[in-house]
Amino acid sequence: MEFLANNIKNIILAVTAAILIGAAIKYYQKIKTFIIEVKQELGKVAWSTRKELMGSTAVVIVSTLIVAVFIGAVDLALSKILSLLFK
């Protein structure tokens, strides 16, 4: 019993590794097919150029700043209105 208590982490690790290896062996063909299909699909992706990516990033940053300023202004206005109403 003492052996079990002292080596519980190693036992759990060994059992987990055995289960993963068993699953890999059992599903080897499915895993292989999946990886091949993923590579094929990634070949079909239309990747953006650096220029397009930089432009899109700029649009997202500017849009986020505009929305943040708008929400901040609305929050400030509503807090002023509510503080006047509840004084």
N, C-alpha and C. Protein backbone atom coordinates (compact mmCIF):
# COMPACT_ATOMS: atom_id res chain seq x y z
N MET A 1 0.83 -1.20 0.00
CA MET A 1 0.00 0.00 0.00
C MET A 1 0.86 1.26 0.00
N GLU A 2 1.99 1.19 0.70
CA GLU A 2 2.88 2.34 0.76
C GLU A 2 3.49 2.63 -0.61
N PHE A 3 3.80 1.58 -1.38
CA PHE A 3 4.31 1.75 -2.73
C PHE A 3 3.32 2.52 -3.59
N LEU A 4 2.05 2.18 -3.47
CA LEU A 4 0.99 2.85 -4.23
C LEU A 4 0.91 4.31 -3.85
N ALA A 5 0.97 4.61 -2.56
CA ALA A 5 0.86 5.99 -2.10
C ALA A 5 2.05 6.82 -2.55
N ASN A 6 3.24 6.24 -2.56
CA ASN A 6 4.44 6.98 -2.92
C ASN A 6 4.55 7.22 -4.42
N ASN A 7 3.96 6.38 -5.23
CA ASN A 7 4.13 6.46 -6.68
C ASN A 7 2.83 6.72 -7.43
N ILE A 8 1.87 7.35 -6.79
CA ILE A 8 0.56 7.55 -7.40
C ILE A 8 0.66 8.40 -8.68
N LYS A 9 1.52 9.43 -8.68
CA LYS A 9 1.66 10.26 -9.88
C LYS A 9 2.21 9.46 -11.05
N ASN A 10 3.22 8.64 -10.77
CA ASN A 10 3.80 7.81 -11.83
C ASN A 10 2.81 6.77 -12.35
N ILE A 11 2.02 6.23 -11.47
CA ILE A 11 1.02 5.24 -11.88
C ILE A 11 -0.04 5.90 -12.76
N ILE A 12 -0.52 7.07 -12.35
CA ILE A 12 -1.53 7.79 -13.14
C ILE A 12 -0.95 8.16 -14.50
N LEU A 13 0.29 8.63 -14.54
CA LEU A 13 0.94 8.98 -15.79
C LEU A 13 1.07 7.77 -16.70
N ALA A 14 1.46 6.64 -16.15
CA ALA A 14 1.62 5.41 -16.95
C ALA A 14 0.28 4.94 -17.50
N VAL A 15 -0.76 4.99 -16.70
CA VAL A 15 -2.09 4.56 -17.15
C VAL A 15 -2.60 5.49 -18.25
N THR A 16 -2.40 6.80 -18.05
CA THR A 16 -2.83 7.77 -19.06
C THR A 16 -2.08 7.57 -20.37
N ALA A 17 -0.77 7.35 -20.28
CA ALA A 17 0.02 7.10 -21.48
C ALA A 17 -0.44 5.84 -22.18
N ALA A 18 -0.74 4.80 -21.43
CA ALA A 18 -1.20 3.55 -22.02
C ALA A 18 -2.53 3.74 -22.73
N ILE A 19 -3.43 4.50 -22.13
CA ILE A 19 -4.73 4.76 -22.75
C ILE A 19 -4.55 5.55 -24.05
N LEU A 20 -3.70 6.58 -24.02
CA LEU A 20 -3.47 7.39 -25.22
C LEU A 20 -2.81 6.58 -26.32
N ILE A 21 -1.85 5.75 -25.97
CA ILE A 21 -1.20 4.91 -26.98
C ILE A 21 -2.20 3.92 -27.55
N GLY A 22 -3.03 3.34 -26.70
CA GLY A 22 -4.06 2.41 -27.17
C GLY A 22 -5.04 3.08 -28.12
N ALA A 23 -5.45 4.29 -27.77
CA ALA A 23 -6.38 5.02 -28.63
C ALA A 23 -5.72 5.37 -29.96
N ALA A 24 -4.43 5.76 -29.92
CA ALA A 24 -3.72 6.11 -31.15
C ALA A 24 -3.60 4.90 -32.06
N ILE A 25 -3.35 3.74 -31.48
CA ILE A 25 -3.24 2.52 -32.29
C ILE A 25 -4.60 2.15 -32.87
N LYS A 26 -5.62 2.25 -32.04
CA LYS A 26 -6.98 1.87 -32.48
C LYS A 26 -7.48 2.81 -33.59
N TYR A 27 -7.21 4.09 -33.44
CA TYR A 27 -7.75 5.07 -34.38
C TYR A 27 -6.69 5.62 -35.33
N TYR A 28 -5.61 4.90 -35.54
CA TYR A 28 -4.50 5.37 -36.37
C TYR A 28 -4.96 5.80 -37.76
N GLN A 29 -5.75 4.98 -38.42
CA GLN A 29 -6.17 5.28 -39.78
C GLN A 29 -7.06 6.53 -39.82
N LYS A 30 -7.95 6.67 -38.84
CA LYS A 30 -8.81 7.85 -38.80
C LYS A 30 -7.99 9.11 -38.54
N ILE A 31 -7.02 9.01 -37.64
CA ILE A 31 -6.17 10.15 -37.34
C ILE A 31 -5.36 10.54 -38.57
N LYS A 32 -4.82 9.55 -39.26
CA LYS A 32 -4.02 9.80 -40.46
C LYS A 32 -4.88 10.48 -41.54
N THR A 33 -6.09 9.97 -41.75
CA THR A 33 -7.00 10.57 -42.73
C THR A 33 -7.34 12.00 -42.35
N PHE A 34 -7.59 12.23 -41.07
CA PHE A 34 -7.92 13.58 -40.60
C PHE A 34 -6.78 14.55 -40.90
N ILE A 35 -5.55 14.16 -40.60
CA ILE A 35 -4.41 15.04 -40.82
C ILE A 35 -4.22 15.34 -42.31
N ILE A 36 -4.40 14.34 -43.14
CA ILE A 36 -4.29 14.54 -44.59
C ILE A 36 -5.36 15.52 -45.08
N GLU A 37 -6.59 15.36 -44.59
CA GLU A 37 -7.68 16.25 -45.01
C GLU A 37 -7.45 17.68 -44.52
N VAL A 38 -6.89 17.83 -43.31
CA VAL A 38 -6.59 19.16 -42.80
C VAL A 38 -5.56 19.85 -43.69
N LYS A 39 -4.51 19.12 -44.07
CA LYS A 39 -3.49 19.69 -44.96
C LYS A 39 -4.10 20.11 -46.30
N GLN A 40 -5.02 19.29 -46.84
CA GLN A 40 -5.66 19.63 -48.10
C GLN A 40 -6.51 20.89 -47.96
N GLU A 41 -7.26 20.99 -46.89
CA GLU A 41 -8.11 22.17 -46.68
C GLU A 41 -7.28 23.43 -46.47
N LEU A 42 -6.17 23.32 -45.75
CA LEU A 42 -5.32 24.48 -45.55
C LEU A 42 -4.71 24.96 -46.86
N GLY A 43 -4.54 24.04 -47.80
CA GLY A 43 -4.04 24.44 -49.12
C GLY A 43 -5.06 25.24 -49.90
N LYS A 44 -6.34 25.13 -49.57
CA LYS A 44 -7.41 25.83 -50.27
C LYS A 44 -7.68 27.23 -49.69
N VAL A 45 -7.09 27.51 -48.53
CA VAL A 45 -7.36 28.78 -47.85
C VAL A 45 -6.73 29.92 -48.63
N ALA A 46 -7.48 31.00 -48.78
CA ALA A 46 -6.98 32.20 -49.43
C ALA A 46 -6.38 33.09 -48.34
N TRP A 47 -5.06 33.04 -48.20
CA TRP A 47 -4.39 33.79 -47.16
C TRP A 47 -4.27 35.25 -47.56
N SER A 48 -4.47 36.14 -46.59
CA SER A 48 -4.36 37.58 -46.84
C SER A 48 -2.90 37.97 -47.01
N THR A 49 -2.69 39.03 -47.79
CA THR A 49 -1.34 39.57 -47.91
C THR A 49 -1.05 40.42 -46.67
N ARG A 50 0.19 40.76 -46.48
CA ARG A 50 0.58 41.58 -45.34
C ARG A 50 -0.13 42.94 -45.40
N LYS A 51 -0.23 43.52 -46.59
CA LYS A 51 -0.88 44.82 -46.76
C LYS A 51 -2.36 44.74 -46.36
N GLU A 52 -3.07 43.69 -46.82
CA GLU A 52 -4.48 43.52 -46.47
C GLU A 52 -4.65 43.32 -44.97
N LEU A 53 -3.76 42.54 -44.38
CA LEU A 53 -3.82 42.28 -42.95
C LEU A 53 -3.61 43.55 -42.14
N MET A 54 -2.65 44.37 -42.54
CA MET A 54 -2.40 45.62 -41.83
C MET A 54 -3.60 46.57 -41.96
N GLY A 55 -4.20 46.62 -43.16
CA GLY A 55 -5.37 47.47 -43.36
C GLY A 55 -6.55 47.02 -42.51
N SER A 56 -6.79 45.72 -42.47
CA SER A 56 -7.89 45.18 -41.67
C SER A 56 -7.66 45.44 -40.18
N THR A 57 -6.42 45.29 -39.74
CA THR A 57 -6.09 45.54 -38.34
C THR A 57 -6.34 46.99 -37.99
N ALA A 58 -5.96 47.90 -38.87
CA ALA A 58 -6.19 49.32 -38.62
C ALA A 58 -7.68 49.63 -38.52
N VAL A 59 -8.47 49.03 -39.39
CA VAL A 59 -9.93 49.24 -39.35
C VAL A 59 -10.50 48.76 -38.03
N VAL A 60 -10.06 47.60 -37.56
CA VAL A 60 -10.56 47.06 -36.29
C VAL A 60 -10.17 47.97 -35.12
N ILE A 61 -8.93 48.44 -35.11
CA ILE A 61 -8.47 49.30 -34.01
C ILE A 61 -9.23 50.62 -34.00
N VAL A 62 -9.39 51.25 -35.16
CA VAL A 62 -10.12 52.52 -35.23
C VAL A 62 -11.59 52.33 -34.84
N SER A 63 -12.21 51.26 -35.34
CA SER A 63 -13.61 50.99 -34.99
C SER A 63 -13.77 50.78 -33.49
N THR A 64 -12.84 50.06 -32.90
CA THR A 64 -12.90 49.81 -31.46
C THR A 64 -12.76 51.11 -30.68
N LEU A 65 -11.86 51.97 -31.10
CA LEU A 65 -11.69 53.26 -30.42
C LEU A 65 -12.94 54.13 -30.54
N ILE A 66 -13.55 54.14 -31.72
CA ILE A 66 -14.78 54.93 -31.92
C ILE A 66 -15.89 54.43 -31.01
N VAL A 67 -16.07 53.12 -30.97
CA VAL A 67 -17.12 52.54 -30.11
C VAL A 67 -16.81 52.81 -28.64
N ALA A 68 -15.55 52.71 -28.24
CA ALA A 68 -15.17 52.97 -26.85
C ALA A 68 -15.46 54.41 -26.45
N VAL A 69 -15.13 55.34 -27.32
CA VAL A 69 -15.40 56.76 -27.04
C VAL A 69 -16.91 56.99 -26.95
N PHE A 70 -17.67 56.40 -27.86
CA PHE A 70 -19.13 56.56 -27.84
C PHE A 70 -19.72 56.01 -26.54
N ILE A 71 -19.32 54.80 -26.18
CA ILE A 71 -19.85 54.19 -24.95
C ILE A 71 -19.43 55.01 -23.73
N GLY A 72 -18.19 55.51 -23.72
CA GLY A 72 -17.73 56.35 -22.62
C GLY A 72 -18.54 57.63 -22.52
N ALA A 73 -18.84 58.26 -23.66
CA ALA A 73 -19.63 59.49 -23.65
C ALA A 73 -21.05 59.24 -23.16
N VAL A 74 -21.66 58.16 -23.63
CA VAL A 74 -23.02 57.82 -23.18
C VAL A 74 -23.02 57.53 -21.69
N ASP A 75 -22.03 56.79 -21.21
CA ASP A 75 -21.93 56.47 -19.79
C ASP A 75 -21.77 57.74 -18.95
N LEU A 76 -20.91 58.63 -19.40
CA LEU A 76 -20.70 59.89 -18.68
C LEU A 76 -21.98 60.72 -18.65
N ALA A 77 -22.65 60.83 -19.78
CA ALA A 77 -23.89 61.61 -19.85
C ALA A 77 -24.97 61.01 -18.95
N LEU A 78 -25.13 59.69 -19.02
CA LEU A 78 -26.16 59.06 -18.19
C LEU A 78 -25.84 59.16 -16.70
N SER A 79 -24.57 59.04 -16.35
CA SER A 79 -24.22 59.17 -14.93
C SER A 79 -24.46 60.59 -14.43
N LYS A 80 -24.20 61.60 -15.26
CA LYS A 80 -24.48 63.00 -14.87
C LYS A 80 -25.98 63.21 -14.71
N ILE A 81 -26.76 62.70 -15.66
CA ILE A 81 -28.21 62.86 -15.61
C ILE A 81 -28.77 62.18 -14.37
N LEU A 82 -28.32 60.95 -14.10
CA LEU A 82 -28.82 60.22 -12.94
C LEU A 82 -28.38 60.86 -11.63
N SER A 83 -27.18 61.40 -11.59
CA SER A 83 -26.73 62.06 -10.35
C SER A 83 -27.55 63.33 -10.10
N LEU A 84 -27.97 64.04 -11.15
CA LEU A 84 -28.83 65.21 -10.99
C LEU A 84 -30.23 64.82 -10.54
N LEU A 85 -30.73 63.71 -11.08
CA LEU A 85 -32.08 63.27 -10.72
C LEU A 85 -32.19 62.77 -9.29
N PHE A 86 -31.14 62.15 -8.78
CA PHE A 86 -31.21 61.52 -7.45
C PHE A 86 -30.55 62.34 -6.35
N LYS A 87 -30.26 63.61 -6.60
CA LYS A 87 -29.72 64.48 -5.54
C LYS A 87 -30.79 64.96 -4.64
